[in-house]
Structures are given as C-alpha cells and as structure tokens.
Amino acid sequence: MSNDRVYKMKFSKVYPLLVQKVERKGRSKAEVDKVICWLTGYEEQDLQSQLAADVDYEQFFSDAPEFNPNADKITGVICGHRVENITEPLMKKIRQMDKLVDELAKGKTMEKILRA
C-alpha cells in the first residue's frame, strides 16, 4: 500500500478499529481519545467534529491544533518499522498514534504512554 493510499484513508473508518483493539484488552474509548488528544492537541469535542466530518488522515493531522512536543519520545516498532526512524513527517505522526494505541492495548499505564 502506498503512502498516498494510507494518507487518504478516512480517519472515521480507522478510529473504531483503534477503539475495538483497546476494548478487547479491557481499556476504554475514553483512553483512546485521551492519547489521541494528547498527541494532536485536539480537544474532545474537536476530535468528535473531525470524526463527524469524515476527514482523511492527511486532513486530520494537518488540522491538528498543536502536535505534542513530547511525541519525539515515542519509540519502538509498529507495523515492522521503528517509529523514531521514519523520515516522512505524516507517516511518522500516523505511526506515533498507532504506537500509543498499541501501548494502551498492551496495558501500559497512562503516565508512561503520555511520556509524563
């Protein structure tokens, strides 16, 4: 799958899959929202507005109010790639969000996930 195809994926289609992933492991939608808002700077109501607007990944991240400066502390492997080695900025943001959700599903504490 080319990066362009990923960038054009509707965030509203991917989001329920992220929620399902963590709920299967005993975590909650509210926790998914919290990590996404931490990463992107969206407020909860703005996140819901983005979902309702049916934006793609590219638009979702370009509209993000303020990407968290601690996002560079997100490291590790996701989808077979080391997050810290991804050079394409949009793909890096997508994989950082994937990594946070993955850590949530694996049971890490919110404090560790949010790099507090």
C-alpha atoms as a PDB file:
ATOM      1  CA  MET A   1       0.000   0.000   0.000  1.00  0.00           C
ATOM      2  CA  SER A   2       1.492   3.318  -0.999  1.00  0.00           C
ATOM      3  CA  ASN A   3       1.718   6.168   1.470  1.00  0.00           C
ATOM      4  CA  ASP A   4      -0.840   8.146  -0.553  1.00  0.00           C
ATOM      5  CA  ARG A   5      -3.413   5.408  -0.011  1.00  0.00           C
ATOM      6  CA  VAL A   6      -2.750   5.492   3.729  1.00  0.00           C
ATOM      7  CA  TYR A   7      -2.970   9.283   3.845  1.00  0.00           C
ATOM      8  CA  LYS A   8      -6.346   9.211   2.080  1.00  0.00           C
ATOM      9  CA  MET A   9      -7.833   6.640   4.493  1.00  0.00           C
ATOM     10  CA  LYS A  10     -10.799   8.100   6.352  1.00  0.00           C
ATOM     11  CA  PHE A  11      -9.904   8.628   9.984  1.00  0.00           C
ATOM     12  CA  SER A  12     -13.536   7.927  10.891  1.00  0.00           C
ATOM     13  CA  LYS A  13     -13.114   4.403   9.438  1.00  0.00           C
ATOM     14  CA  VAL A  14      -9.868   3.671  11.292  1.00  0.00           C
ATOM     15  CA  TYR A  15     -10.899   5.165  14.642  1.00  0.00           C
ATOM     16  CA  PRO A  16     -13.472   2.436  15.527  1.00  0.00           C
ATOM     17  CA  LEU A  17     -10.795  -0.186  14.866  1.00  0.00           C
ATOM     18  CA  LEU A  18      -8.443   1.555  17.296  1.00  0.00           C
ATOM     19  CA  VAL A  19     -11.216   1.606  19.914  1.00  0.00           C
ATOM     20  CA  GLN A  20     -12.052  -2.066  19.334  1.00  0.00           C
ATOM     21  CA  LYS A  21      -8.395  -3.013  19.708  1.00  0.00           C
ATOM     22  CA  VAL A  22      -8.123  -1.472  23.165  1.00  0.00           C
ATOM     23  CA  GLU A  23     -11.589  -2.511  24.351  1.00  0.00           C
ATOM     24  CA  ARG A  24     -10.723  -6.173  23.647  1.00  0.00           C
ATOM     25  CA  LYS A  25      -7.890  -5.681  26.144  1.00  0.00           C
ATOM     26  CA  GLY A  26     -10.059  -4.060  28.823  1.00  0.00           C
ATOM     27  CA  ARG A  27      -9.275  -0.431  28.053  1.00  0.00           C
ATOM     28  CA  SER A  28     -11.759   2.259  27.012  1.00  0.00           C
ATOM     29  CA  LYS A  29     -12.717   4.594  24.181  1.00  0.00           C
ATOM     30  CA  ALA A  30     -12.115   7.498  26.579  1.00  0.00           C
ATOM     31  CA  GLU A  31      -8.495   6.384  26.949  1.00  0.00           C
ATOM     32  CA  VAL A  32      -8.073   6.209  23.162  1.00  0.00           C
ATOM     33  CA  ASP A  33      -9.477   9.735  22.920  1.00  0.00           C
ATOM     34  CA  LYS A  34      -7.115  10.901  25.641  1.00  0.00           C
ATOM     35  CA  VAL A  35      -3.987   9.639  23.884  1.00  0.00           C
ATOM     36  CA  ILE A  36      -5.123  10.995  20.506  1.00  0.00           C
ATOM     37  CA  CYS A  37      -5.880  14.390  22.043  1.00  0.00           C
ATOM     38  CA  TRP A  38      -2.542  14.385  23.880  1.00  0.00           C
ATOM     39  CA  LEU A  39      -0.702  13.688  20.632  1.00  0.00           C
ATOM     40  CA  THR A  40      -2.590  16.098  18.361  1.00  0.00           C
ATOM     41  CA  GLY A  41      -3.732  18.913  20.631  1.00  0.00           C
ATOM     42  CA  TYR A  42      -7.390  18.379  19.769  1.00  0.00           C
ATOM     43  CA  GLU A  43      -9.977  18.920  22.481  1.00  0.00           C
ATOM     44  CA  GLU A  44     -12.512  16.099  22.861  1.00  0.00           C
ATOM     45  CA  GLN A  45     -15.276  17.997  21.029  1.00  0.00           C
ATOM     46  CA  ASP A  46     -12.878  18.872  18.196  1.00  0.00           C
ATOM     47  CA  LEU A  47     -11.883  15.223  17.867  1.00  0.00           C
ATOM     48  CA  GLN A  48     -15.558  14.272  17.582  1.00  0.00           C
ATOM     49  CA  SER A  49     -16.047  17.017  14.975  1.00  0.00           C
ATOM     50  CA  GLN A  50     -13.191  15.611  12.903  1.00  0.00           C
ATOM     51  CA  LEU A  51     -14.767  12.168  13.073  1.00  0.00           C
ATOM     52  CA  ALA A  52     -18.148  13.568  12.013  1.00  0.00           C
ATOM     53  CA  ALA A  53     -16.544  15.497   9.141  1.00  0.00           C
ATOM     54  CA  ASP A  54     -15.173  12.214   7.756  1.00  0.00           C
ATOM     55  CA  VAL A  55     -11.692  13.632   7.127  1.00  0.00           C
ATOM     56  CA  ASP A  56      -8.783  11.551   5.898  1.00  0.00           C
ATOM     57  CA  TYR A  57      -5.552  11.035   7.837  1.00  0.00           C
ATOM     58  CA  GLU A  58      -3.821  13.827   5.940  1.00  0.00           C
ATOM     59  CA  GLN A  59      -6.526  16.365   6.809  1.00  0.00           C
ATOM     60  CA  PHE A  60      -6.832  15.079  10.387  1.00  0.00           C
ATOM     61  CA  PHE A  61      -3.159  15.695  11.103  1.00  0.00           C
ATOM     62  CA  SER A  62      -2.903  18.948   9.146  1.00  0.00           C
ATOM     63  CA  ASP A  63      -5.865  20.341  11.133  1.00  0.00           C
ATOM     64  CA  ALA A  64      -4.335  19.250  14.451  1.00  0.00           C
ATOM     65  CA  PRO A  65      -4.008  22.320  16.709  1.00  0.00           C
ATOM     66  CA  GLU A  66      -0.581  21.502  18.134  1.00  0.00           C
ATOM     67  CA  PHE A  67       1.325  18.267  17.810  1.00  0.00           C
ATOM     68  CA  ASN A  68       2.721  17.343  21.219  1.00  0.00           C
ATOM     69  CA  PRO A  69       6.407  18.297  21.582  1.00  0.00           C
ATOM     70  CA  ASN A  70       6.976  15.066  23.545  1.00  0.00           C
ATOM     71  CA  ALA A  71       5.926  12.989  20.536  1.00  0.00           C
ATOM     72  CA  ASP A  72       9.615  12.534  19.723  1.00  0.00           C
ATOM     73  CA  LYS A  73       9.831  10.399  22.873  1.00  0.00           C
ATOM     74  CA  ILE A  74       7.602   7.793  21.204  1.00  0.00           C
ATOM     75  CA  THR A  75       9.933   4.993  20.178  1.00  0.00           C
ATOM     76  CA  GLY A  76       9.685   1.356  19.298  1.00  0.00           C
ATOM     77  CA  VAL A  77       8.437  -0.855  16.495  1.00  0.00           C
ATOM     78  CA  ILE A  78       4.990  -0.575  14.940  1.00  0.00           C
ATOM     79  CA  CYS A  79       3.947  -2.293  11.712  1.00  0.00           C
ATOM     80  CA  GLY A  80       7.504  -3.549  11.306  1.00  0.00           C
ATOM     81  CA  HIS A  81       9.078  -0.093  11.383  1.00  0.00           C
ATOM     82  CA  ARG A  82      10.925   1.757  14.102  1.00  0.00           C
ATOM     83  CA  VAL A  83       8.884   4.875  14.814  1.00  0.00           C
ATOM     84  CA  GLU A  84      11.924   7.008  15.544  1.00  0.00           C
ATOM     85  CA  ASN A  85      13.482   6.137  12.147  1.00  0.00           C
ATOM     86  CA  ILE A  86      10.511   7.129   9.983  1.00  0.00           C
ATOM     87  CA  THR A  87      11.528  10.205   7.995  1.00  0.00           C
ATOM     88  CA  GLU A  88       8.281  11.117   6.220  1.00  0.00           C
ATOM     89  CA  PRO A  89       6.516  13.521   8.644  1.00  0.00           C
ATOM     90  CA  LEU A  90       2.893  12.465   8.081  1.00  0.00           C
ATOM     91  CA  MET A  91       3.661   8.750   8.189  1.00  0.00           C
ATOM     92  CA  LYS A  92       5.642   9.317  11.385  1.00  0.00           C
ATOM     93  CA  LYS A  93       2.625  11.006  13.022  1.00  0.00           C
ATOM     94  CA  ILE A  94       0.334   8.174  11.939  1.00  0.00           C
ATOM     95  CA  ARG A  95       2.717   5.551  13.319  1.00  0.00           C
ATOM     96  CA  GLN A  96       3.200   7.511  16.549  1.00  0.00           C
ATOM     97  CA  MET A  97      -0.551   7.436  17.093  1.00  0.00           C
ATOM     98  CA  ASP A  98      -0.609   3.712  16.266  1.00  0.00           C
ATOM     99  CA  LYS A  99       2.173   3.129  18.788  1.00  0.00           C
ATOM    100  CA  LEU A 100       0.299   4.988  21.554  1.00  0.00           C
ATOM    101  CA  VAL A 101      -2.837   2.941  20.921  1.00  0.00           C
ATOM    102  CA  ASP A 102      -0.750  -0.238  20.840  1.00  0.00           C
ATOM    103  CA  GLU A 103       0.821   0.630  24.197  1.00  0.00           C
ATOM    104  CA  LEU A 104      -2.657   1.279  25.596  1.00  0.00           C
ATOM    105  CA  ALA A 105      -3.834  -2.128  24.380  1.00  0.00           C
ATOM    106  CA  LYS A 106      -0.779  -3.767  25.920  1.00  0.00           C
ATOM    107  CA  GLY A 107      -1.723  -2.427  29.339  1.00  0.00           C
ATOM    108  CA  LYS A 108       0.852   0.295  29.876  1.00  0.00           C
ATOM    109  CA  THR A 109      -0.079   2.965  32.370  1.00  0.00           C
ATOM    110  CA  MET A 110      -1.406   6.232  31.015  1.00  0.00           C
ATOM    111  CA  GLU A 111       1.523   8.040  32.666  1.00  0.00           C
ATOM    112  CA  LYS A 112       4.038   6.008  30.626  1.00  0.00           C
ATOM    113  CA  ILE A 113       2.021   6.270  27.425  1.00  0.00           C
ATOM    114  CA  LEU A 114       1.818  10.051  27.684  1.00  0.00           C
ATOM    115  CA  ARG A 115       5.546  10.263  28.375  1.00  0.00           C
ATOM    116  CA  ALA A 116       4.946  12.062  31.658  1.00  0.00           C
END
